[in-house]
Amino acid sequence: MKAPLKVAGIDHVVLHVKDLGRSRKFYVELLGMEVEHEYSWGVFLCCGNQMVALFEVEDGERIYAGHEMNHMALRLKSGEYRKVKAVLEEAGIEVSGRRGDPHCIYFSDPDGHRLQLLTPAEQ
């Protein structure tokens, strides 16, 4: 069966955040994403050929981190596992790994969205 539509890729994924400035700083200054464009209510960040959009919720509105999405995996261009882990821990971030996988680091963003960093295979 031939599909009537053909998706070319993911344009962006939206994460709801409580404090746009805090989340922008986390994704730009720690994870190295670049701002594509931004508004008072949100920012679109370049992540390879895709984007991650951070949309600030209204005061009192809940964020459902961990319920809307299990996790978002991000592949690093470079970085050795122990050094990447140390950078996150020095920033006060609690990290975990996956047993038997020396390239996988799990942690949460300031709003509790679960993230995974995949370090490159050693050359």
PDB file of N, CA and C in Angstrom:
ATOM      1  N   MET A   1       0.836  -1.183   0.000  1.00  0.00           N
ATOM      2  CA  MET A   1       0.000   0.000   0.000  1.00  0.00           C
ATOM      3  C   MET A   1       0.880   1.245   0.000  1.00  0.00           C
ATOM      4  N   LYS A   2       0.639   2.141  -0.919  1.00  0.00           N
ATOM      5  CA  LYS A   2       1.407   3.373  -1.004  1.00  0.00           C
ATOM      6  C   LYS A   2       0.727   4.456  -0.163  1.00  0.00           C
ATOM      7  N   ALA A   3       1.513   5.111   0.669  1.00  0.00           N
ATOM      8  CA  ALA A   3       0.978   6.168   1.524  1.00  0.00           C
ATOM      9  C   ALA A   3       0.620   7.389   0.683  1.00  0.00           C
ATOM     10  N   PRO A   4      -0.498   8.045   0.988  1.00  0.00           N
ATOM     11  CA  PRO A   4      -0.890   9.220   0.215  1.00  0.00           C
ATOM     12  C   PRO A   4      -0.034  10.453   0.508  1.00  0.00           C
ATOM     13  N   LEU A   5       0.676  10.440   1.643  1.00  0.00           N
ATOM     14  CA  LEU A   5       1.548  11.550   2.031  1.00  0.00           C
ATOM     15  C   LEU A   5       2.928  11.002   2.337  1.00  0.00           C
ATOM     16  N   LYS A   6       3.943  11.831   2.204  1.00  0.00           N
ATOM     17  CA  LYS A   6       5.320  11.423   2.504  1.00  0.00           C
ATOM     18  C   LYS A   6       5.966  12.492   3.376  1.00  0.00           C
ATOM     19  N   VAL A   7       6.175  12.183   4.654  1.00  0.00           N
ATOM     20  CA  VAL A   7       6.815  13.106   5.577  1.00  0.00           C
ATOM     21  C   VAL A   7       8.299  13.160   5.265  1.00  0.00           C
ATOM     22  N   ALA A   8       8.853  14.373   5.177  1.00  0.00           N
ATOM     23  CA  ALA A   8      10.260  14.556   4.833  1.00  0.00           C
ATOM     24  C   ALA A   8      11.160  14.633   6.066  1.00  0.00           C
ATOM     25  N   GLY A   9      10.582  14.888   7.226  1.00  0.00           N
ATOM     26  CA  GLY A   9      11.387  14.995   8.441  1.00  0.00           C
ATOM     27  C   GLY A   9      10.595  15.678   9.534  1.00  0.00           C
ATOM     28  N   ILE A  10      11.199  15.786  10.691  1.00  0.00           N
ATOM     29  CA  ILE A  10      10.570  16.468  11.817  1.00  0.00           C
ATOM     30  C   ILE A  10      11.004  17.934  11.771  1.00  0.00           C
ATOM     31  N   ASP A  11      10.039  18.834  11.722  1.00  0.00           N
ATOM     32  CA  ASP A  11      10.356  20.261  11.724  1.00  0.00           C
ATOM     33  C   ASP A  11      10.712  20.722  13.130  1.00  0.00           C
ATOM     34  N   HIS A  12       9.821  20.440  14.089  1.00  0.00           N
ATOM     35  CA  HIS A  12      10.111  20.816  15.467  1.00  0.00           C
ATOM     36  C   HIS A  12       9.280  19.987  16.439  1.00  0.00           C
ATOM     37  N   VAL A  13       9.773  19.928  17.664  1.00  0.00           N
ATOM     38  CA  VAL A  13       9.093  19.315  18.798  1.00  0.00           C
ATOM     39  C   VAL A  13       8.879  20.425  19.800  1.00  0.00           C
ATOM     40  N   VAL A  14       7.704  20.493  20.409  1.00  0.00           N
ATOM     41  CA  VAL A  14       7.388  21.545  21.380  1.00  0.00           C
ATOM     42  C   VAL A  14       7.465  20.995  22.798  1.00  0.00           C
ATOM     43  N   LEU A  15       8.160  21.724  23.653  1.00  0.00           N
ATOM     44  CA  LEU A  15       8.183  21.433  25.082  1.00  0.00           C
ATOM     45  C   LEU A  15       7.579  22.629  25.801  1.00  0.00           C
ATOM     46  N   HIS A  16       6.618  22.374  26.694  1.00  0.00           N
ATOM     47  CA  HIS A  16       6.048  23.449  27.508  1.00  0.00           C
ATOM     48  C   HIS A  16       6.956  23.706  28.699  1.00  0.00           C
ATOM     49  N   VAL A  17       7.193  24.974  28.996  1.00  0.00           N
ATOM     50  CA  VAL A  17       8.101  25.358  30.076  1.00  0.00           C
ATOM     51  C   VAL A  17       7.439  26.413  30.949  1.00  0.00           C
ATOM     52  N   LYS A  18       7.854  26.483  32.209  1.00  0.00           N
ATOM     53  CA  LYS A  18       7.308  27.476  33.140  1.00  0.00           C
ATOM     54  C   LYS A  18       8.036  28.815  33.049  1.00  0.00           C
ATOM     55  N   ASP A  19       9.349  28.779  32.833  1.00  0.00           N
ATOM     56  CA  ASP A  19      10.160  29.991  32.800  1.00  0.00           C
ATOM     57  C   ASP A  19      10.975  29.969  31.502  1.00  0.00           C
ATOM     58  N   LEU A  20      10.532  30.722  30.513  1.00  0.00           N
ATOM     59  CA  LEU A  20      11.159  30.692  29.193  1.00  0.00           C
ATOM     60  C   LEU A  20      12.633  31.073  29.247  1.00  0.00           C
ATOM     61  N   GLY A  21      12.976  32.103  30.010  1.00  0.00           N
ATOM     62  CA  GLY A  21      14.372  32.533  30.110  1.00  0.00           C
ATOM     63  C   GLY A  21      15.268  31.454  30.683  1.00  0.00           C
ATOM     64  N   ARG A  22      14.802  30.804  31.743  1.00  0.00           N
ATOM     65  CA  ARG A  22      15.580  29.733  32.375  1.00  0.00           C
ATOM     66  C   ARG A  22      15.786  28.572  31.400  1.00  0.00           C
ATOM     67  N   SER A  23      14.721  28.177  30.703  1.00  0.00           N
ATOM     68  CA  SER A  23      14.818  27.055  29.770  1.00  0.00           C
ATOM     69  C   SER A  23      15.661  27.415  28.551  1.00  0.00           C
ATOM     70  N   ARG A  24      15.513  28.634  28.052  1.00  0.00           N
ATOM     71  CA  ARG A  24      16.327  29.089  26.921  1.00  0.00           C
ATOM     72  C   ARG A  24      17.804  28.992  27.279  1.00  0.00           C
ATOM     73  N   LYS A  25      18.159  29.477  28.457  1.00  0.00           N
ATOM     74  CA  LYS A  25      19.547  29.437  28.923  1.00  0.00           C
ATOM     75  C   LYS A  25      20.042  27.995  29.003  1.00  0.00           C
ATOM     76  N   PHE A  26      19.238  27.076  29.531  1.00  0.00           N
ATOM     77  CA  PHE A  26      19.610  25.670  29.661  1.00  0.00           C
ATOM     78  C   PHE A  26      19.917  25.062  28.297  1.00  0.00           C
ATOM     79  N   TYR A  27      19.026  25.260  27.335  1.00  0.00           N
ATOM     80  CA  TYR A  27      19.193  24.635  26.016  1.00  0.00           C
ATOM     81  C   TYR A  27      20.259  25.316  25.159  1.00  0.00           C
ATOM     82  N   VAL A  28      20.441  26.625  25.327  1.00  0.00           N
ATOM     83  CA  VAL A  28      21.438  27.352  24.526  1.00  0.00           C
ATOM     84  C   VAL A  28      22.823  27.293  25.173  1.00  0.00           C
ATOM     85  N   GLU A  29      22.911  27.665  26.441  1.00  0.00           N
ATOM     86  CA  GLU A  29      24.225  27.780  27.081  1.00  0.00           C
ATOM     87  C   GLU A  29      24.806  26.446  27.526  1.00  0.00           C
ATOM     88  N   LEU A  30      23.959  25.470  27.880  1.00  0.00           N
ATOM     89  CA  LEU A  30      24.477  24.173  28.310  1.00  0.00           C
ATOM     90  C   LEU A  30      24.526  23.169  27.159  1.00  0.00           C
ATOM     91  N   LEU A  31      23.441  23.079  26.392  1.00  0.00           N
ATOM     92  CA  LEU A  31      23.373  22.062  25.343  1.00  0.00           C
ATOM     93  C   LEU A  31      23.813  22.578  23.965  1.00  0.00           C
ATOM     94  N   GLY A  32      24.057  23.869  23.830  1.00  0.00           N
ATOM     95  CA  GLY A  32      24.626  24.413  22.603  1.00  0.00           C
ATOM     96  C   GLY A  32      23.668  24.573  21.442  1.00  0.00           C
ATOM     97  N   MET A  33      22.363  24.567  21.699  1.00  0.00           N
ATOM     98  CA  MET A  33      21.413  24.812  20.609  1.00  0.00           C
ATOM     99  C   MET A  33      21.470  26.290  20.244  1.00  0.00           C
ATOM    100  N   GLU A  34      21.071  26.614  19.022  1.00  0.00           N
ATOM    101  CA  GLU A  34      21.108  28.001  18.562  1.00  0.00           C
ATOM    102  C   GLU A  34      19.702  28.509  18.311  1.00  0.00           C
ATOM    103  N   VAL A  35      19.465  29.771  18.647  1.00  0.00           N
ATOM    104  CA  VAL A  35      18.146  30.372  18.466  1.00  0.00           C
ATOM    105  C   VAL A  35      17.890  30.601  16.981  1.00  0.00           C
ATOM    106  N   GLU A  36      16.807  30.048  16.491  1.00  0.00           N
ATOM    107  CA  GLU A  36      16.356  30.280  15.109  1.00  0.00           C
ATOM    108  C   GLU A  36      15.487  31.538  15.076  1.00  0.00           C
ATOM    109  N   HIS A  37      14.468  31.571  15.908  1.00  0.00           N
ATOM    110  CA  HIS A  37      13.649  32.771  16.088  1.00  0.00           C
ATOM    111  C   HIS A  37      12.913  32.658  17.413  1.00  0.00           C
ATOM    112  N   GLU A  38      12.509  33.813  17.939  1.00  0.00           N
ATOM    113  CA  GLU A  38      11.839  33.802  19.232  1.00  0.00           C
ATOM    114  C   GLU A  38      10.783  34.885  19.327  1.00  0.00           C
ATOM    115  N   TYR A  39       9.885  34.650  20.265  1.00  0.00           N
ATOM    116  CA  TYR A  39       8.754  35.532  20.538  1.00  0.00           C
ATOM    117  C   TYR A  39       8.669  35.709  22.047  1.00  0.00           C
ATOM    118  N   SER A  40       7.775  36.537  22.513  1.00  0.00           N
ATOM    119  CA  SER A  40       7.627  36.730  23.956  1.00  0.00           C
ATOM    120  C   SER A  40       7.157  35.458  24.647  1.00  0.00           C
ATOM    121  N   TRP A  41       6.478  34.582  23.942  1.00  0.00           N
ATOM    122  CA  TRP A  41       5.885  33.358  24.508  1.00  0.00           C
ATOM    123  C   TRP A  41       6.657  32.093  24.179  1.00  0.00           C
ATOM    124  N   GLY A  42       7.679  32.182  23.309  1.00  0.00           N
ATOM    125  CA  GLY A  42       8.388  30.967  22.931  1.00  0.00           C
ATOM    126  C   GLY A  42       9.638  31.238  22.128  1.00  0.00           C
ATOM    127  N   VAL A  43      10.442  30.197  22.014  1.00  0.00           N
ATOM    128  CA  VAL A  43      11.685  30.282  21.253  1.00  0.00           C
ATOM    129  C   VAL A  43      11.864  28.980  20.478  1.00  0.00           C
ATOM    130  N   PHE A  44      12.316  29.106  19.226  1.00  0.00           N
ATOM    131  CA  PHE A  44      12.599  27.955  18.373  1.00  0.00           C
ATOM    132  C   PHE A  44      14.117  27.808  18.304  1.00  0.00           C
ATOM    133  N   LEU A  45      14.610  26.639  18.691  1.00  0.00           N
ATOM    134  CA  LEU A  45      16.041  26.388  18.773  1.00  0.00           C
ATOM    135  C   LEU A  45      16.459  25.363  17.734  1.00  0.00           C
ATOM    136  N   CYS A  46      17.546  25.656  17.022  1.00  0.00           N
ATOM    137  CA  CYS A  46      18.083  24.707  16.039  1.00  0.00           C
ATOM    138  C   CYS A  46      18.785  23.574  16.760  1.00  0.00           C
ATOM    139  N   CYS A  47      18.468  22.386  16.303  1.00  0.00           N
ATOM    140  CA  CYS A  47      19.049  21.159  16.845  1.00  0.00           C
ATOM    141  C   CYS A  47      19.329  20.267  15.647  1.00  0.00           C
ATOM    142  N   GLY A  48      20.496  20.449  15.020  1.00  0.00           N
ATOM    143  CA  GLY A  48      20.775  19.752  13.769  1.00  0.00           C
ATOM    144  C   GLY A  48      19.863  20.304  12.687  1.00  0.00           C
ATOM    145  N   ASN A  49      19.176  19.428  11.960  1.00  0.00           N
ATOM    146  CA  ASN A  49      18.242  19.847  10.913  1.00  0.00           C
ATOM    147  C   ASN A  49      16.823  20.025  11.434  1.00  0.00           C
ATOM    148  N   GLN A  50      16.631  19.799  12.711  1.00  0.00           N
ATOM    149  CA  GLN A  50      15.313  19.945  13.313  1.00  0.00           C
ATOM    150  C   GLN A  50      15.349  21.099  14.314  1.00  0.00           C
ATOM    151  N   MET A  51      14.185  21.376  14.894  1.00  0.00           N
ATOM    152  CA  MET A  51      14.113  22.404  15.923  1.00  0.00           C
ATOM    153  C   MET A  51      13.396  21.876  17.147  1.00  0.00           C
ATOM    154  N   VAL A  52      13.772  22.443  18.289  1.00  0.00           N
ATOM    155  CA  VAL A  52      13.063  22.242  19.540  1.00  0.00           C
ATOM    156  C   VAL A  52      12.452  23.590  19.870  1.00  0.00           C
ATOM    157  N   ALA A  53      11.155  23.611  20.095  1.00  0.00           N
ATOM    158  CA  ALA A  53      10.474  24.860  20.439  1.00  0.00           C
ATOM    159  C   ALA A  53      10.088  24.817  21.911  1.00  0.00           C
ATOM    160  N   LEU A  54      10.380  25.889  22.617  1.00  0.00           N
ATOM    161  CA  LEU A  54      10.003  26.020  24.019  1.00  0.00           C
ATOM    162  C   LEU A  54       8.872  27.029  24.100  1.00  0.00           C
ATOM    163  N   PHE A  55       7.709  26.592  24.564  1.00  0.00           N
ATOM    164  CA  PHE A  55       6.544  27.462  24.699  1.00  0.00           C
ATOM    165  C   PHE A  55       6.254  27.648  26.182  1.00  0.00           C
ATOM    166  N   GLU A  56       6.243  28.897  26.634  1.00  0.00           N
ATOM    167  CA  GLU A  56       5.975  29.189  28.042  1.00  0.00           C
ATOM    168  C   GLU A  56       4.487  29.070  28.327  1.00  0.00           C
ATOM    169  N   VAL A  57       4.149  28.348  29.390  1.00  0.00           N
ATOM    170  CA  VAL A  57       2.748  28.183  29.766  1.00  0.00           C
ATOM    171  C   VAL A  57       2.293  29.388  30.588  1.00  0.00           C
ATOM    172  N   GLU A  58       0.990  29.586  30.639  1.00  0.00           N
ATOM    173  CA  GLU A  58       0.412  30.657  31.450  1.00  0.00           C
ATOM    174  C   GLU A  58       0.622  30.337  32.929  1.00  0.00           C
ATOM    175  N   ASP A  59       0.656  31.375  33.779  1.00  0.00           N
ATOM    176  CA  ASP A  59       0.773  31.161  35.222  1.00  0.00           C
ATOM    177  C   ASP A  59      -0.326  30.218  35.694  1.00  0.00           C
ATOM    178  N   GLY A  60       0.063  29.247  36.498  1.00  0.00           N
ATOM    179  CA  GLY A  60      -0.895  28.291  37.037  1.00  0.00           C
ATOM    180  C   GLY A  60      -1.176  27.098  36.136  1.00  0.00           C
ATOM    181  N   GLU A  61      -0.753  27.176  34.862  1.00  0.00           N
ATOM    182  CA  GLU A  61      -0.976  26.064  33.944  1.00  0.00           C
ATOM    183  C   GLU A  61       0.046  24.965  34.243  1.00  0.00           C
ATOM    184  N   ARG A  62      -0.392  23.715  34.203  1.00  0.00           N
ATOM    185  CA  ARG A  62       0.479  22.582  34.512  1.00  0.00           C
ATOM    186  C   ARG A  62       1.322  22.171  33.312  1.00  0.00           C
ATOM    187  N   ILE A  63       2.466  21.604  33.635  1.00  0.00           N
ATOM    188  CA  ILE A  63       3.340  20.994  32.634  1.00  0.00           C
ATOM    189  C   ILE A  63       3.291  19.492  32.881  1.00  0.00           C
ATOM    190  N   TYR A  64       3.188  18.733  31.833  1.00  0.00           N
ATOM    191  CA  TYR A  64       3.058  17.285  31.957  1.00  0.00           C
ATOM    192  C   TYR A  64       4.323  16.565  31.510  1.00  0.00           C
ATOM    193  N   ALA A  65       5.466  17.044  31.968  1.00  0.00           N
ATOM    194  CA  ALA A  65       6.749  16.421  31.619  1.00  0.00           C
ATOM    195  C   ALA A  65       6.726  14.960  32.059  1.00  0.00           C
ATOM    196  N   GLY A  66       7.172  14.087  31.183  1.00  0.00           N
ATOM    197  CA  GLY A  66       7.208  12.669  31.494  1.00  0.00           C
ATOM    198  C   GLY A  66       5.927  11.943  31.140  1.00  0.00           C
ATOM    199  N   HIS A  67       4.857  12.676  30.859  1.00  0.00           N
ATOM    200  CA  HIS A  67       3.585  12.054  30.499  1.00  0.00           C
ATOM    201  C   HIS A  67       3.270  12.248  29.019  1.00  0.00           C
ATOM    202  N   GLU A  68       3.669  13.384  28.462  1.00  0.00           N
ATOM    203  CA  GLU A  68       3.409  13.640  27.043  1.00  0.00           C
ATOM    204  C   GLU A  68       4.441  12.954  26.159  1.00  0.00           C
ATOM    205  N   MET A  69       5.640  12.747  26.697  1.00  0.00           N
ATOM    206  CA  MET A  69       6.743  12.190  25.925  1.00  0.00           C
ATOM    207  C   MET A  69       7.646  11.452  26.905  1.00  0.00           C
ATOM    208  N   ASN A  70       8.078  10.253  26.545  1.00  0.00           N
ATOM    209  CA  ASN A  70       8.969   9.509  27.428  1.00  0.00           C
ATOM    210  C   ASN A  70      10.302  10.235  27.572  1.00  0.00           C
ATOM    211  N   HIS A  71      10.963  10.529  26.459  1.00  0.00           N
ATOM    212  CA  HIS A  71      12.193  11.310  26.486  1.00  0.00           C
ATOM    213  C   HIS A  71      12.531  11.780  25.075  1.00  0.00           C
ATOM    214  N   MET A  72      13.410  12.769  25.008  1.00  0.00           N
ATOM    215  CA  MET A  72      13.913  13.249  23.727  1.00  0.00           C
ATOM    216  C   MET A  72      15.413  12.938  23.697  1.00  0.00           C
ATOM    217  N   ALA A  73      15.838  12.179  22.696  1.00  0.00           N
ATOM    218  CA  ALA A  73      17.240  11.796  22.567  1.00  0.00           C
ATOM    219  C   ALA A  73      17.954  12.797  21.666  1.00  0.00           C
ATOM    220  N   LEU A  74      19.088  13.277  22.129  1.00  0.00           N
ATOM    221  CA  LEU A  74      19.889  14.263  21.410  1.00  0.00           C
ATOM    222  C   LEU A  74      21.270  13.680  21.161  1.00  0.00           C
ATOM    223  N   ARG A  75      21.701  13.685  19.915  1.00  0.00           N
ATOM    224  CA  ARG A  75      23.017  13.146  19.559  1.00  0.00           C
ATOM    225  C   ARG A  75      24.039  14.278  19.571  1.00  0.00           C
ATOM    226  N   LEU A  76      25.127  14.086  20.321  1.00  0.00           N
ATOM    227  CA  LEU A  76      26.201  15.073  20.383  1.00  0.00           C
ATOM    228  C   LEU A  76      27.135  14.928  19.189  1.00  0.00           C
ATOM    229  N   LYS A  77      27.643  16.063  18.699  1.00  0.00           N
ATOM    230  CA  LYS A  77      28.632  16.036  17.613  1.00  0.00           C
ATOM    231  C   LYS A  77      29.941  15.462  18.110  1.00  0.00           C
ATOM    232  N   SER A  78      30.296  15.812  19.338  1.00  0.00           N
ATOM    233  CA  SER A  78      31.545  15.323  19.915  1.00  0.00           C
ATOM    234  C   SER A  78      31.378  15.275  21.430  1.00  0.00           C
ATOM    235  N   GLY A  79      32.292  14.602  22.067  1.00  0.00           N
ATOM    236  CA  GLY A  79      32.271  14.533  23.520  1.00  0.00           C
ATOM    237  C   GLY A  79      32.444  13.117  24.012  1.00  0.00           C
ATOM    238  N   GLU A  80      33.325  12.959  24.984  1.00  0.00           N
ATOM    239  CA  GLU A  80      33.590  11.667  25.589  1.00  0.00           C
ATOM    240  C   GLU A  80      32.647  11.518  26.790  1.00  0.00           C
ATOM    241  N   TYR A  81      32.110  10.343  26.976  1.00  0.00           N
ATOM    242  CA  TYR A  81      31.072  10.068  27.971  1.00  0.00           C
ATOM    243  C   TYR A  81      31.393  10.666  29.342  1.00  0.00           C
ATOM    244  N   ARG A  82      32.553  10.349  29.903  1.00  0.00           N
ATOM    245  CA  ARG A  82      32.884  10.823  31.259  1.00  0.00           C
ATOM    246  C   ARG A  82      32.941  12.344  31.328  1.00  0.00           C
ATOM    247  N   LYS A  83      33.476  12.982  30.287  1.00  0.00           N
ATOM    248  CA  LYS A  83      33.570  14.442  30.285  1.00  0.00           C
ATOM    249  C   LYS A  83      32.200  15.089  30.142  1.00  0.00           C
ATOM    250  N   VAL A  84      31.344  14.525  29.293  1.00  0.00           N
ATOM    251  CA  VAL A  84      29.984  15.045  29.120  1.00  0.00           C
ATOM    252  C   VAL A  84      29.216  14.907  30.437  1.00  0.00           C
ATOM    253  N   LYS A  85      29.327  13.751  31.054  1.00  0.00           N
ATOM    254  CA  LYS A  85      28.664  13.497  32.335  1.00  0.00           C
ATOM    255  C   LYS A  85      29.148  14.501  33.380  1.00  0.00           C
ATOM    256  N   ALA A  86      30.455  14.761  33.414  1.00  0.00           N
ATOM    257  CA  ALA A  86      31.028  15.703  34.375  1.00  0.00           C
ATOM    258  C   ALA A  86      30.512  17.121  34.146  1.00  0.00           C
ATOM    259  N   VAL A  87      30.368  17.536  32.890  1.00  0.00           N
ATOM    260  CA  VAL A  87      29.850  18.873  32.581  1.00  0.00           C
ATOM    261  C   VAL A  87      28.435  19.024  33.142  1.00  0.00           C
ATOM    262  N   LEU A  88      27.603  18.020  32.932  1.00  0.00           N
ATOM    263  CA  LEU A  88      26.232  18.069  33.439  1.00  0.00           C
ATOM    264  C   LEU A  88      26.205  18.094  34.965  1.00  0.00           C
ATOM    265  N   GLU A  89      27.012  17.246  35.586  1.00  0.00           N
ATOM    266  CA  GLU A  89      27.046  17.192  37.048  1.00  0.00           C
ATOM    267  C   GLU A  89      27.573  18.490  37.637  1.00  0.00           C
ATOM    268  N   GLU A  90      28.562  19.116  36.985  1.00  0.00           N
ATOM    269  CA  GLU A  90      29.086  20.400  37.461  1.00  0.00           C
ATOM    270  C   GLU A  90      28.026  21.491  37.380  1.00  0.00           C
ATOM    271  N   ALA A  91      27.056  21.331  36.468  1.00  0.00           N
ATOM    272  CA  ALA A  91      25.952  22.281  36.346  1.00  0.00           C
ATOM    273  C   ALA A  91      24.835  21.961  37.346  1.00  0.00           C
ATOM    274  N   GLY A  92      25.077  20.972  38.216  1.00  0.00           N
ATOM    275  CA  GLY A  92      24.097  20.622  39.236  1.00  0.00           C
ATOM    276  C   GLY A  92      22.984  19.710  38.741  1.00  0.00           C
ATOM    277  N   ILE A  93      23.225  19.025  37.645  1.00  0.00           N
ATOM    278  CA  ILE A  93      22.208  18.167  37.044  1.00  0.00           C
ATOM    279  C   ILE A  93      22.466  16.720  37.443  1.00  0.00           C
ATOM    280  N   GLU A  94      21.418  16.056  37.921  1.00  0.00           N
ATOM    281  CA  GLU A  94      21.510  14.638  38.266  1.00  0.00           C
ATOM    282  C   GLU A  94      21.414  13.817  36.991  1.00  0.00           C
ATOM    283  N   VAL A  95      22.380  12.941  36.776  1.00  0.00           N
ATOM    284  CA  VAL A  95      22.427  12.143  35.554  1.00  0.00           C
ATOM    285  C   VAL A  95      22.388  10.657  35.887  1.00  0.00           C
ATOM    286  N   SER A  96      21.983   9.886  34.900  1.00  0.00           N
ATOM    287  CA  SER A  96      22.043   8.427  35.005  1.00  0.00           C
ATOM    288  C   SER A  96      22.422   7.884  33.642  1.00  0.00           C
ATOM    289  N   GLY A  97      22.845   6.648  33.621  1.00  0.00           N
ATOM    290  CA  GLY A  97      23.217   6.012  32.375  1.00  0.00           C
ATOM    291  C   GLY A  97      22.331   4.812  32.115  1.00  0.00           C
ATOM    292  N   ARG A  98      22.717   4.053  31.120  1.00  0.00           N
ATOM    293  CA  ARG A  98      22.020   2.814  30.811  1.00  0.00           C
ATOM    294  C   ARG A  98      23.067   1.712  30.889  1.00  0.00           C
ATOM    295  N   ARG A  99      22.807   0.724  31.725  1.00  0.00           N
ATOM    296  CA  ARG A  99      23.759  -0.361  31.944  1.00  0.00           C
ATOM    297  C   ARG A  99      24.218  -0.964  30.614  1.00  0.00           C
ATOM    298  N   GLY A 100      25.515  -1.069  30.462  1.00  0.00           N
ATOM    299  CA  GLY A 100      26.087  -1.673  29.262  1.00  0.00           C
ATOM    300  C   GLY A 100      26.150  -0.758  28.052  1.00  0.00           C
ATOM    301  N   ASP A 101      25.764   0.490  28.203  1.00  0.00           N
ATOM    302  CA  ASP A 101      25.790   1.425  27.079  1.00  0.00           C
ATOM    303  C   ASP A 101      26.683   2.613  27.443  1.00  0.00           C
ATOM    304  N   PRO A 102      27.919   2.662  26.956  1.00  0.00           N
ATOM    305  CA  PRO A 102      28.843   3.726  27.317  1.00  0.00           C
ATOM    306  C   PRO A 102      28.645   5.027  26.531  1.00  0.00           C
ATOM    307  N   HIS A 103      27.520   5.169  25.839  1.00  0.00           N
ATOM    308  CA  HIS A 103      27.291   6.372  25.028  1.00  0.00           C
ATOM    309  C   HIS A 103      25.995   7.092  25.382  1.00  0.00           C
ATOM    310  N   CYS A 104      25.335   6.693  26.455  1.00  0.00           N
ATOM    311  CA  CYS A 104      23.984   7.158  26.748  1.00  0.00           C
ATOM    312  C   CYS A 104      23.917   7.791  28.140  1.00  0.00           C
ATOM    313  N   ILE A 105      23.465   9.053  28.207  1.00  0.00           N
ATOM    314  CA  ILE A 105      23.330   9.767  29.480  1.00  0.00           C
ATOM    315  C   ILE A 105      21.907  10.331  29.556  1.00  0.00           C
ATOM    316  N   TYR A 106      21.211  10.034  30.643  1.00  0.00           N
ATOM    317  CA  TYR A 106      19.856  10.552  30.869  1.00  0.00           C
ATOM    318  C   TYR A 106      19.880  11.625  31.944  1.00  0.00           C
ATOM    319  N   PHE A 107      19.017  12.637  31.777  1.00  0.00           N
ATOM    320  CA  PHE A 107      18.875  13.706  32.761  1.00  0.00           C
ATOM    321  C   PHE A 107      17.582  14.450  32.443  1.00  0.00           C
ATOM    322  N   SER A 108      17.230  15.407  33.278  1.00  0.00           N
ATOM    323  CA  SER A 108      16.006  16.176  33.057  1.00  0.00           C
ATOM    324  C   SER A 108      16.327  17.649  32.897  1.00  0.00           C
ATOM    325  N   ASP A 109      15.494  18.343  32.106  1.00  0.00           N
ATOM    326  CA  ASP A 109      15.647  19.792  31.961  1.00  0.00           C
ATOM    327  C   ASP A 109      14.999  20.458  33.176  1.00  0.00           C
ATOM    328  N   PRO A 110      15.050  21.784  33.284  1.00  0.00           N
ATOM    329  CA  PRO A 110      14.505  22.453  34.464  1.00  0.00           C
ATOM    330  C   PRO A 110      13.009  22.208  34.717  1.00  0.00           C
ATOM    331  N   ASP A 111      12.256  21.808  33.701  1.00  0.00           N
ATOM    332  CA  ASP A 111      10.829  21.544  33.884  1.00  0.00           C
ATOM    333  C   ASP A 111      10.508  20.061  34.022  1.00  0.00           C
ATOM    334  N   GLY A 112      11.534  19.228  34.067  1.00  0.00           N
ATOM    335  CA  GLY A 112      11.317  17.803  34.261  1.00  0.00           C
ATOM    336  C   GLY A 112      11.187  16.982  32.990  1.00  0.00           C
ATOM    337  N   HIS A 113      11.390  17.600  31.815  1.00  0.00           N
ATOM    338  CA  HIS A 113      11.369  16.843  30.564  1.00  0.00           C
ATOM    339  C   HIS A 113      12.613  15.948  30.540  1.00  0.00           C
ATOM    340  N   ARG A 114      12.401  14.682  30.307  1.00  0.00           N
ATOM    341  CA  ARG A 114      13.497  13.710  30.301  1.00  0.00           C
ATOM    342  C   ARG A 114      14.263  13.806  28.981  1.00  0.00           C
ATOM    343  N   LEU A 115      15.583  13.964  29.085  1.00  0.00           N
ATOM    344  CA  LEU A 115      16.448  14.074  27.919  1.00  0.00           C
ATOM    345  C   LEU A 115      17.495  12.972  27.951  1.00  0.00           C
ATOM    346  N   GLN A 116      17.961  12.606  26.788  1.00  0.00           N
ATOM    347  CA  GLN A 116      19.026  11.627  26.650  1.00  0.00           C
ATOM    348  C   GLN A 116      20.080  12.229  25.734  1.00  0.00           C
ATOM    349  N   LEU A 117      21.334  12.186  26.157  1.00  0.00           N
ATOM    350  CA  LEU A 117      22.437  12.582  25.295  1.00  0.00           C
ATOM    351  C   LEU A 117      23.143  11.321  24.837  1.00  0.00           C
ATOM    352  N   LEU A 118      23.374  11.246  23.533  1.00  0.00           N
ATOM    353  CA  LEU A 118      24.100  10.129  22.951  1.00  0.00           C
ATOM    354  C   LEU A 118      25.473  10.649  22.536  1.00  0.00           C
ATOM    355  N   THR A 119      26.515  10.159  23.185  1.00  0.00           N
ATOM    356  CA  THR A 119      27.855  10.569  22.809  1.00  0.00           C
ATOM    357  C   THR A 119      28.304   9.745  21.608  1.00  0.00           C
ATOM    358  N   PRO A 120      29.164  10.319  20.783  1.00  0.00           N
ATOM    359  CA  PRO A 120      29.620   9.586  19.592  1.00  0.00           C
ATOM    360  C   PRO A 120      30.400   8.339  19.957  1.00  0.00           C
ATOM    361  N   ALA A 121      30.364   7.351  19.080  1.00  0.00           N
ATOM    362  CA  ALA A 121      31.194   6.161  19.264  1.00  0.00           C
ATOM    363  C   ALA A 121      32.659   6.586  19.169  1.00  0.00           C
ATOM    364  N   GLU A 122      33.483   6.020  19.987  1.00  0.00           N
ATOM    365  CA  GLU A 122      34.904   6.386  19.962  1.00  0.00           C
ATOM    366  C   GLU A 122      35.523   5.964  18.660  1.00  0.00           C
ATOM    367  N   GLN A 123      36.339   6.854  18.106  1.00  0.00           N
ATOM    368  CA  GLN A 123      36.989   6.596  16.812  1.00  0.00           C
ATOM    369  C   GLN A 123      38.237   5.786  16.995  1.00  0.00           C
TER     370      GLN A 123
END
